[in-house]
């Protein structure tokens, strides 16, 4: 985590706790809990809609292709606000290279699992990134060009129940 700059040395005023959850037969996923130190109580994020498998299947056709994408480290792709970092500390004393029990605290630099605002901030920034990646849909030179939208609503004269 330090090599990827997910945590870094800096002022720590509060520590988050953490625990591991088995992932498969020979791996774990670390979950960092910002509730124990009160950080989650101090953070706010608006409620927002998250898509589910039903939303995806509503748009599926016989020609659709799907795959399973594990976005396990998606939160870690997005920067944590500088003002929140001192309150998102991690006790990494167990990582001490010397092998003694020297106290060592570092802090999160990225959004983390278990932090109230992580899902909202991550989805919002991911959506902005997708807009940039997709580019201008009105430019026929881009692969994401489109010039019309077909609306297929039940009750419409040209409604086709085999299409989304």
N, C-alpha and C. Protein backbone atom coordinates (compact mmCIF):
# COMPACT_ATOMS: atom_id res chain seq x y z
N UNK A 1 0.81 -1.19 0.00
CA UNK A 1 0.00 0.00 0.00
C UNK A 1 0.86 1.26 0.00
N UNK A 2 1.98 1.17 0.67
CA UNK A 2 2.87 2.33 0.70
C UNK A 2 3.53 2.52 -0.66
N UNK A 3 3.92 1.42 -1.31
CA UNK A 3 4.56 1.52 -2.62
C UNK A 3 3.63 2.14 -3.66
N UNK A 4 2.34 1.93 -3.51
CA UNK A 4 1.36 2.51 -4.44
C UNK A 4 0.86 3.87 -3.98
N UNK A 5 1.41 4.37 -2.88
CA UNK A 5 1.06 5.68 -2.30
C UNK A 5 -0.39 5.75 -1.84
N UNK A 6 -0.97 4.62 -1.42
CA UNK A 6 -2.32 4.63 -0.86
C UNK A 6 -2.28 5.17 0.57
N UNK A 7 -1.17 4.91 1.26
CA UNK A 7 -0.93 5.51 2.57
C UNK A 7 0.42 6.19 2.52
N UNK A 8 0.61 7.19 3.36
CA UNK A 8 1.86 7.94 3.35
C UNK A 8 2.13 8.51 4.74
N UNK A 9 3.34 8.90 4.95
CA UNK A 9 3.73 9.55 6.19
C UNK A 9 3.12 10.94 6.23
N UNK A 10 2.66 11.35 7.39
CA UNK A 10 2.07 12.67 7.56
C UNK A 10 1.40 12.76 8.93
N UNK A 11 0.91 13.93 9.27
CA UNK A 11 0.24 14.15 10.53
C UNK A 11 -0.96 13.22 10.66
N UNK A 12 -1.05 12.50 11.81
CA UNK A 12 -2.18 11.61 12.08
C UNK A 12 -2.82 12.05 13.39
N UNK A 13 -4.10 12.41 13.32
CA UNK A 13 -4.84 12.85 14.51
C UNK A 13 -5.84 11.80 14.98
N UNK A 14 -6.13 10.81 14.12
CA UNK A 14 -7.12 9.80 14.44
C UNK A 14 -6.82 8.54 13.62
N UNK A 15 -7.08 7.37 14.21
CA UNK A 15 -6.80 6.11 13.53
C UNK A 15 -8.08 5.40 13.11
N UNK A 16 -8.08 4.85 11.91
CA UNK A 16 -9.15 3.97 11.47
C UNK A 16 -8.77 2.55 11.89
N UNK A 17 -9.75 1.70 12.08
CA UNK A 17 -9.43 0.30 12.37
C UNK A 17 -9.52 -0.49 11.06
N UNK A 18 -9.11 -1.74 11.09
CA UNK A 18 -9.20 -2.56 9.89
C UNK A 18 -9.34 -4.01 10.28
N UNK A 19 -9.85 -4.79 9.33
CA UNK A 19 -9.98 -6.24 9.51
C UNK A 19 -9.92 -6.86 8.13
N UNK A 20 -9.65 -8.16 8.09
CA UNK A 20 -9.59 -8.82 6.78
C UNK A 20 -10.80 -9.72 6.58
N UNK A 21 -11.15 -9.89 5.32
CA UNK A 21 -12.25 -10.76 4.92
C UNK A 21 -11.67 -11.75 3.91
N UNK A 22 -11.91 -13.06 4.09
CA UNK A 22 -11.39 -14.03 3.12
C UNK A 22 -11.88 -13.73 1.71
N UNK A 23 -10.99 -13.87 0.74
CA UNK A 23 -11.32 -13.68 -0.67
C UNK A 23 -10.77 -14.90 -1.40
N UNK A 24 -11.63 -15.81 -1.75
CA UNK A 24 -11.17 -17.05 -2.36
C UNK A 24 -10.55 -17.94 -1.29
N UNK A 25 -9.72 -18.87 -1.74
CA UNK A 25 -9.12 -19.82 -0.81
C UNK A 25 -7.78 -19.36 -0.24
N UNK A 26 -7.09 -18.48 -0.95
CA UNK A 26 -5.74 -18.11 -0.50
C UNK A 26 -5.46 -16.61 -0.55
N UNK A 27 -6.50 -15.81 -0.39
CA UNK A 27 -6.31 -14.37 -0.43
C UNK A 27 -7.24 -13.72 0.59
N UNK A 28 -6.97 -12.48 0.90
CA UNK A 28 -7.84 -11.72 1.80
C UNK A 28 -8.09 -10.35 1.19
N UNK A 29 -9.15 -9.72 1.64
CA UNK A 29 -9.41 -8.33 1.29
C UNK A 29 -9.40 -7.56 2.61
N UNK A 30 -8.57 -6.53 2.66
CA UNK A 30 -8.53 -5.69 3.86
C UNK A 30 -9.67 -4.69 3.80
N UNK A 31 -10.39 -4.56 4.91
CA UNK A 31 -11.48 -3.60 5.02
C UNK A 31 -11.10 -2.62 6.12
N UNK A 32 -11.06 -1.36 5.77
CA UNK A 32 -10.71 -0.33 6.72
C UNK A 32 -11.99 0.32 7.21
N UNK A 33 -12.13 0.41 8.53
CA UNK A 33 -13.37 0.84 9.16
C UNK A 33 -13.21 2.23 9.75
N UNK A 34 -13.84 3.21 9.11
CA UNK A 34 -13.75 4.59 9.59
C UNK A 34 -14.83 4.91 10.61
N UNK A 35 -15.61 3.91 11.04
CA UNK A 35 -16.63 4.16 12.05
C UNK A 35 -16.03 4.17 13.45
N UNK A 36 -15.00 3.37 13.69
CA UNK A 36 -14.43 3.21 15.03
C UNK A 36 -13.85 4.52 15.58
N UNK A 37 -13.30 5.35 14.72
CA UNK A 37 -12.66 6.58 15.18
C UNK A 37 -13.58 7.79 15.09
N UNK A 38 -14.78 7.61 14.58
CA UNK A 38 -15.71 8.71 14.45
C UNK A 38 -15.60 9.46 13.14
N UNK A 39 -14.68 9.07 12.27
CA UNK A 39 -14.51 9.78 11.00
C UNK A 39 -15.79 9.72 10.16
N UNK A 40 -16.42 8.55 10.07
CA UNK A 40 -17.64 8.45 9.27
C UNK A 40 -18.75 9.36 9.79
N UNK A 41 -18.78 9.58 11.10
CA UNK A 41 -19.79 10.48 11.65
C UNK A 41 -19.55 11.92 11.20
N UNK A 42 -18.31 12.26 10.88
CA UNK A 42 -17.97 13.62 10.46
C UNK A 42 -18.04 13.82 8.95
N UNK A 43 -18.15 12.72 8.20
CA UNK A 43 -18.21 12.81 6.74
C UNK A 43 -19.66 12.80 6.27
N UNK A 44 -19.89 13.40 5.12
CA UNK A 44 -21.23 13.41 4.54
C UNK A 44 -21.13 13.11 3.06
N UNK A 45 -22.09 12.38 2.57
CA UNK A 45 -22.22 12.16 1.14
C UNK A 45 -23.70 12.08 0.84
N UNK A 46 -24.14 12.67 -0.27
CA UNK A 46 -25.56 12.61 -0.59
C UNK A 46 -25.97 11.20 -0.98
N UNK A 47 -27.25 10.92 -0.82
CA UNK A 47 -27.76 9.65 -1.31
C UNK A 47 -27.71 9.67 -2.83
N UNK A 48 -27.46 8.56 -3.43
CA UNK A 48 -27.41 8.50 -4.89
C UNK A 48 -27.78 7.10 -5.35
N UNK A 49 -28.22 7.03 -6.57
CA UNK A 49 -28.68 5.78 -7.16
C UNK A 49 -27.49 4.94 -7.61
N UNK A 50 -27.52 3.67 -7.27
CA UNK A 50 -26.50 2.72 -7.73
C UNK A 50 -27.18 1.69 -8.62
N UNK A 51 -26.63 1.44 -9.80
CA UNK A 51 -27.23 0.43 -10.67
C UNK A 51 -27.11 -0.97 -10.07
N UNK A 52 -28.06 -1.82 -10.40
CA UNK A 52 -28.05 -3.22 -9.98
C UNK A 52 -28.09 -4.09 -11.22
N UNK A 53 -28.00 -5.39 -11.03
CA UNK A 53 -28.05 -6.32 -12.17
C UNK A 53 -29.38 -6.19 -12.91
N UNK A 54 -30.45 -5.88 -12.22
CA UNK A 54 -31.76 -5.71 -12.87
C UNK A 54 -31.71 -4.55 -13.86
N UNK A 55 -31.02 -3.45 -13.50
CA UNK A 55 -30.91 -2.32 -14.41
C UNK A 55 -30.16 -2.71 -15.68
N UNK A 56 -29.16 -3.55 -15.54
CA UNK A 56 -28.39 -3.99 -16.71
C UNK A 56 -29.24 -4.93 -17.57
N UNK A 57 -29.94 -5.84 -16.94
CA UNK A 57 -30.75 -6.80 -17.69
C UNK A 57 -31.91 -6.13 -18.41
N UNK A 58 -32.39 -5.02 -17.89
CA UNK A 58 -33.45 -4.28 -18.58
C UNK A 58 -33.01 -3.81 -19.96
N UNK A 59 -31.71 -3.63 -20.15
CA UNK A 59 -31.18 -3.14 -21.43
C UNK A 59 -30.60 -4.26 -22.28
N UNK A 60 -30.68 -5.49 -21.82
CA UNK A 60 -30.05 -6.60 -22.54
C UNK A 60 -30.89 -7.05 -23.73
N UNK A 61 -30.19 -7.46 -24.76
CA UNK A 61 -30.84 -8.05 -25.92
C UNK A 61 -30.12 -9.36 -26.23
N UNK A 62 -30.61 -10.08 -27.22
CA UNK A 62 -29.96 -11.33 -27.62
C UNK A 62 -28.54 -11.08 -28.13
N UNK A 63 -28.25 -9.86 -28.55
CA UNK A 63 -26.93 -9.53 -29.08
C UNK A 63 -25.99 -8.94 -28.01
N UNK A 64 -26.46 -8.82 -26.76
CA UNK A 64 -25.64 -8.23 -25.69
C UNK A 64 -24.55 -9.18 -25.23
N UNK A 65 -23.42 -8.59 -24.82
CA UNK A 65 -22.31 -9.34 -24.25
C UNK A 65 -22.04 -8.79 -22.86
N UNK A 66 -21.74 -9.66 -21.90
CA UNK A 66 -21.46 -9.24 -20.54
C UNK A 66 -20.19 -9.90 -20.05
N UNK A 67 -19.57 -9.28 -19.08
CA UNK A 67 -18.42 -9.89 -18.42
C UNK A 67 -18.43 -9.47 -16.96
N UNK A 68 -17.69 -10.20 -16.16
CA UNK A 68 -17.58 -9.88 -14.75
C UNK A 68 -16.32 -9.05 -14.55
N UNK A 69 -16.47 -7.86 -14.01
CA UNK A 69 -15.34 -6.98 -13.77
C UNK A 69 -15.20 -6.78 -12.27
N UNK A 70 -14.08 -7.18 -11.71
CA UNK A 70 -13.82 -6.99 -10.29
C UNK A 70 -13.12 -5.66 -10.11
N UNK A 71 -13.82 -4.71 -9.58
CA UNK A 71 -13.26 -3.37 -9.37
C UNK A 71 -12.79 -3.24 -7.93
N UNK A 72 -12.06 -4.22 -7.46
CA UNK A 72 -11.68 -4.32 -6.05
C UNK A 72 -10.94 -3.09 -5.54
N UNK A 73 -10.11 -2.49 -6.34
CA UNK A 73 -9.33 -1.36 -5.87
C UNK A 73 -9.83 -0.03 -6.44
N UNK A 74 -11.10 0.02 -6.84
CA UNK A 74 -11.59 1.25 -7.48
C UNK A 74 -11.49 2.46 -6.55
N UNK A 75 -11.80 2.30 -5.26
CA UNK A 75 -11.71 3.44 -4.35
C UNK A 75 -10.29 4.01 -4.32
N UNK A 76 -9.32 3.12 -4.40
CA UNK A 76 -7.92 3.53 -4.27
C UNK A 76 -7.40 4.29 -5.49
N UNK A 77 -8.20 4.37 -6.55
CA UNK A 77 -7.82 5.15 -7.73
C UNK A 77 -8.11 6.64 -7.58
N UNK A 78 -8.80 7.00 -6.50
CA UNK A 78 -9.24 8.38 -6.34
C UNK A 78 -8.69 8.98 -5.05
N UNK A 79 -8.24 10.22 -5.16
CA UNK A 79 -7.53 10.93 -4.09
C UNK A 79 -8.49 11.33 -2.96
N UNK A 80 -8.03 11.14 -1.73
CA UNK A 80 -8.75 11.58 -0.55
C UNK A 80 -8.43 13.05 -0.30
N UNK A 81 -9.44 13.83 0.03
CA UNK A 81 -9.25 15.25 0.30
C UNK A 81 -8.14 15.45 1.33
N UNK A 82 -7.26 16.40 1.07
CA UNK A 82 -6.10 16.67 1.92
C UNK A 82 -6.51 16.99 3.35
N UNK A 83 -7.65 17.67 3.53
CA UNK A 83 -8.09 18.05 4.87
C UNK A 83 -8.62 16.87 5.68
N UNK A 84 -8.98 15.79 5.04
CA UNK A 84 -9.49 14.61 5.73
C UNK A 84 -8.36 13.67 6.13
N UNK A 85 -7.26 13.70 5.42
CA UNK A 85 -6.16 12.75 5.62
C UNK A 85 -5.66 12.62 7.06
N UNK A 86 -5.48 13.70 7.82
CA UNK A 86 -5.00 13.52 9.20
C UNK A 86 -5.94 12.69 10.07
N UNK A 87 -7.21 12.64 9.71
CA UNK A 87 -8.20 11.90 10.50
C UNK A 87 -8.41 10.49 9.99
N UNK A 88 -7.66 10.10 8.97
CA UNK A 88 -7.77 8.77 8.37
C UNK A 88 -6.44 8.04 8.54
N UNK A 89 -5.98 7.96 9.77
CA UNK A 89 -4.70 7.32 10.06
C UNK A 89 -4.80 5.80 10.07
N UNK A 90 -3.66 5.16 9.89
CA UNK A 90 -3.55 3.70 9.93
C UNK A 90 -2.33 3.35 10.79
N UNK A 91 -2.53 2.45 11.74
CA UNK A 91 -1.42 1.98 12.57
C UNK A 91 -0.67 0.90 11.78
N UNK A 92 0.51 1.23 11.31
CA UNK A 92 1.32 0.28 10.54
C UNK A 92 2.56 -0.14 11.33
N UNK A 93 2.45 -0.14 12.65
CA UNK A 93 3.59 -0.52 13.50
C UNK A 93 4.07 -1.92 13.17
N UNK A 94 3.16 -2.81 12.78
CA UNK A 94 3.51 -4.19 12.44
C UNK A 94 4.38 -4.26 11.19
N UNK A 95 4.45 -3.17 10.42
CA UNK A 95 5.27 -3.15 9.21
C UNK A 95 6.70 -2.68 9.49
N UNK A 96 7.03 -2.47 10.73
CA UNK A 96 8.33 -1.95 11.10
C UNK A 96 9.44 -2.88 10.61
N UNK A 97 10.30 -2.34 9.77
CA UNK A 97 11.38 -3.14 9.17
C UNK A 97 12.40 -3.61 10.20
N UNK A 98 12.57 -2.87 11.30
CA UNK A 98 13.57 -3.22 12.30
C UNK A 98 13.13 -4.38 13.17
N UNK A 99 11.84 -4.69 13.19
CA UNK A 99 11.35 -5.81 13.98
C UNK A 99 11.04 -5.47 15.42
N UNK A 100 11.24 -4.22 15.82
CA UNK A 100 10.89 -3.85 17.20
C UNK A 100 9.47 -3.28 17.22
N UNK A 101 9.01 -2.90 18.38
CA UNK A 101 7.64 -2.44 18.53
C UNK A 101 7.50 -0.92 18.46
N UNK A 102 8.27 -0.28 17.61
CA UNK A 102 8.19 1.17 17.47
C UNK A 102 6.84 1.55 16.88
N UNK A 103 6.19 2.51 17.51
CA UNK A 103 4.90 3.00 17.05
C UNK A 103 5.07 3.68 15.70
N UNK A 104 4.23 3.31 14.74
CA UNK A 104 4.33 3.91 13.41
C UNK A 104 2.92 4.12 12.86
N UNK A 105 2.56 5.38 12.66
CA UNK A 105 1.26 5.72 12.09
C UNK A 105 1.47 6.41 10.76
N UNK A 106 0.66 6.04 9.80
CA UNK A 106 0.64 6.72 8.51
C UNK A 106 -0.81 7.07 8.22
N UNK A 107 -1.09 7.64 7.07
CA UNK A 107 -2.47 8.05 6.81
C UNK A 107 -2.85 7.78 5.36
N UNK A 108 -4.16 7.62 5.18
CA UNK A 108 -4.70 7.39 3.85
C UNK A 108 -4.49 8.61 2.97
N UNK A 109 -4.18 8.37 1.70
CA UNK A 109 -4.12 9.44 0.70
C UNK A 109 -5.20 9.21 -0.36
N UNK A 110 -5.85 8.05 -0.28
CA UNK A 110 -6.87 7.68 -1.27
C UNK A 110 -8.19 7.36 -0.59
N UNK A 111 -9.26 7.35 -1.35
CA UNK A 111 -10.56 6.93 -0.83
C UNK A 111 -10.40 5.49 -0.36
N UNK A 112 -11.11 5.10 0.69
CA UNK A 112 -10.91 3.76 1.26
C UNK A 112 -12.24 3.07 1.50
N UNK A 113 -12.20 1.74 1.49
CA UNK A 113 -13.38 0.95 1.84
C UNK A 113 -13.74 1.28 3.28
N UNK A 114 -15.03 1.37 3.54
CA UNK A 114 -15.48 1.63 4.90
C UNK A 114 -15.61 3.10 5.23
N UNK A 115 -15.29 3.98 4.28
CA UNK A 115 -15.39 5.41 4.50
C UNK A 115 -16.71 5.89 3.88
N UNK A 116 -17.53 6.58 4.64
CA UNK A 116 -18.87 7.00 4.21
C UNK A 116 -18.91 7.62 2.83
N UNK A 117 -17.98 8.50 2.54
CA UNK A 117 -18.02 9.24 1.27
C UNK A 117 -17.38 8.52 0.10
N UNK A 118 -16.71 7.40 0.33
CA UNK A 118 -15.99 6.73 -0.76
C UNK A 118 -16.87 6.33 -1.94
N UNK A 119 -18.01 5.67 -1.74
CA UNK A 119 -18.80 5.28 -2.91
C UNK A 119 -19.26 6.48 -3.74
N UNK A 120 -19.75 7.51 -3.09
CA UNK A 120 -20.24 8.67 -3.83
C UNK A 120 -19.10 9.37 -4.59
N UNK A 121 -18.02 9.67 -3.90
CA UNK A 121 -16.91 10.38 -4.53
C UNK A 121 -16.34 9.56 -5.68
N UNK A 122 -16.19 8.27 -5.46
CA UNK A 122 -15.61 7.40 -6.48
C UNK A 122 -16.51 7.31 -7.72
N UNK A 123 -17.80 7.09 -7.52
CA UNK A 123 -18.72 7.00 -8.66
C UNK A 123 -18.78 8.32 -9.41
N UNK A 124 -18.80 9.43 -8.67
CA UNK A 124 -18.85 10.75 -9.31
C UNK A 124 -17.60 10.99 -10.17
N UNK A 125 -16.43 10.72 -9.61
CA UNK A 125 -15.20 10.94 -10.36
C UNK A 125 -15.06 9.95 -11.52
N UNK A 126 -15.54 8.72 -11.32
CA UNK A 126 -15.51 7.73 -12.40
C UNK A 126 -16.40 8.20 -13.56
N UNK A 127 -17.57 8.75 -13.24
CA UNK A 127 -18.47 9.25 -14.29
C UNK A 127 -17.82 10.40 -15.06
N UNK A 128 -17.13 11.30 -14.35
CA UNK A 128 -16.43 12.38 -15.04
C UNK A 128 -15.35 11.81 -15.96
N UNK A 129 -14.61 10.82 -15.46
CA UNK A 129 -13.56 10.21 -16.28
C UNK A 129 -14.16 9.56 -17.53
N UNK A 130 -15.30 8.90 -17.38
CA UNK A 130 -15.94 8.27 -18.54
C UNK A 130 -16.36 9.31 -19.58
N UNK A 131 -16.83 10.46 -19.13
CA UNK A 131 -17.19 11.52 -20.09
C UNK A 131 -15.97 11.96 -20.88
N UNK A 132 -14.84 12.07 -20.21
CA UNK A 132 -13.60 12.47 -20.89
C UNK A 132 -13.15 11.38 -21.85
N UNK A 133 -13.20 10.12 -21.39
CA UNK A 133 -12.76 9.00 -22.23
C UNK A 133 -13.64 8.86 -23.47
N UNK A 134 -14.95 8.96 -23.29
CA UNK A 134 -15.87 8.79 -24.41
C UNK A 134 -15.79 9.94 -25.41
N UNK A 135 -15.44 11.11 -24.94
CA UNK A 135 -15.26 12.24 -25.84
C UNK A 135 -16.58 12.79 -26.37
N UNK A 136 -16.52 13.45 -27.49
CA UNK A 136 -17.66 14.13 -28.09
C UNK A 136 -18.45 13.15 -28.95
N UNK A 137 -19.65 12.80 -28.50
CA UNK A 137 -20.47 11.84 -29.25
C UNK A 137 -20.98 12.41 -30.57
N UNK A 138 -20.88 13.73 -30.77
CA UNK A 138 -21.37 14.33 -32.02
C UNK A 138 -20.30 14.32 -33.12
N UNK A 139 -19.10 13.90 -32.78
CA UNK A 139 -18.02 13.85 -33.76
C UNK A 139 -18.00 12.48 -34.44
N UNK A 140 -18.33 12.39 -35.72
CA UNK A 140 -18.38 11.07 -36.39
C UNK A 140 -17.01 10.39 -36.51
N UNK A 141 -15.95 11.10 -36.18
CA UNK A 141 -14.61 10.51 -36.25
C UNK A 141 -14.28 9.67 -35.01
N UNK A 142 -15.09 9.79 -33.94
CA UNK A 142 -14.81 9.04 -32.72
C UNK A 142 -15.57 7.73 -32.70
N UNK A 143 -15.07 6.71 -32.00
CA UNK A 143 -15.77 5.42 -31.96
C UNK A 143 -17.07 5.45 -31.16
N UNK A 144 -17.28 6.50 -30.38
CA UNK A 144 -18.49 6.58 -29.56
C UNK A 144 -19.53 7.54 -30.15
N UNK A 145 -19.43 7.79 -31.44
CA UNK A 145 -20.36 8.67 -32.14
C UNK A 145 -21.76 8.07 -32.16
N UNK A 146 -22.76 8.92 -31.96
CA UNK A 146 -24.15 8.54 -32.19
C UNK A 146 -24.91 9.78 -32.63
N UNK A 147 -25.91 9.57 -33.46
CA UNK A 147 -26.63 10.71 -34.01
C UNK A 147 -28.12 10.70 -33.67
N UNK A 148 -28.61 9.59 -33.12
CA UNK A 148 -30.03 9.53 -32.78
C UNK A 148 -30.26 8.61 -31.59
N UNK A 149 -31.38 8.81 -30.94
CA UNK A 149 -31.80 7.96 -29.83
C UNK A 149 -33.16 7.40 -30.21
N UNK A 150 -33.29 6.09 -30.10
CA UNK A 150 -34.58 5.45 -30.37
C UNK A 150 -35.25 5.15 -29.04
N UNK A 151 -36.45 5.67 -28.86
CA UNK A 151 -37.20 5.44 -27.63
C UNK A 151 -38.20 4.33 -27.89
N UNK A 152 -38.18 3.33 -27.04
CA UNK A 152 -39.03 2.15 -27.19
C UNK A 152 -39.89 2.00 -25.94
N UNK A 153 -41.00 2.72 -25.89
CA UNK A 153 -41.85 2.72 -24.70
C UNK A 153 -43.10 1.88 -24.91
N UNK A 154 -43.47 1.09 -23.89
CA UNK A 154 -44.74 0.34 -23.99
C UNK A 154 -45.90 1.30 -24.25
N UNK A 155 -46.78 0.92 -25.17
CA UNK A 155 -47.93 1.76 -25.52
C UNK A 155 -47.69 2.61 -26.75
N UNK A 156 -46.42 2.81 -27.14
CA UNK A 156 -46.12 3.59 -28.34
C UNK A 156 -46.49 2.74 -29.57
N UNK A 157 -46.93 3.38 -30.66
CA UNK A 157 -47.34 2.63 -31.85
C UNK A 157 -46.24 1.71 -32.42
N UNK A 158 -44.97 2.15 -32.30
CA UNK A 158 -43.88 1.32 -32.85
C UNK A 158 -43.14 0.54 -31.76
N UNK A 159 -43.77 0.33 -30.61
CA UNK A 159 -43.15 -0.40 -29.50
C UNK A 159 -42.80 -1.83 -29.91
N UNK A 160 -41.56 -2.25 -29.60
CA UNK A 160 -41.08 -3.58 -29.91
C UNK A 160 -40.68 -4.24 -28.58
N UNK A 161 -41.49 -5.18 -28.05
CA UNK A 161 -41.20 -5.78 -26.76
C UNK A 161 -39.94 -6.65 -26.74
N UNK A 162 -39.37 -6.93 -27.90
CA UNK A 162 -38.13 -7.73 -27.93
C UNK A 162 -36.89 -6.86 -27.74
N UNK A 163 -37.09 -5.56 -27.72
CA UNK A 163 -35.95 -4.64 -27.57
C UNK A 163 -36.06 -3.89 -26.24
N UNK A 164 -34.92 -3.42 -25.72
CA UNK A 164 -34.97 -2.68 -24.45
C UNK A 164 -35.65 -1.33 -24.61
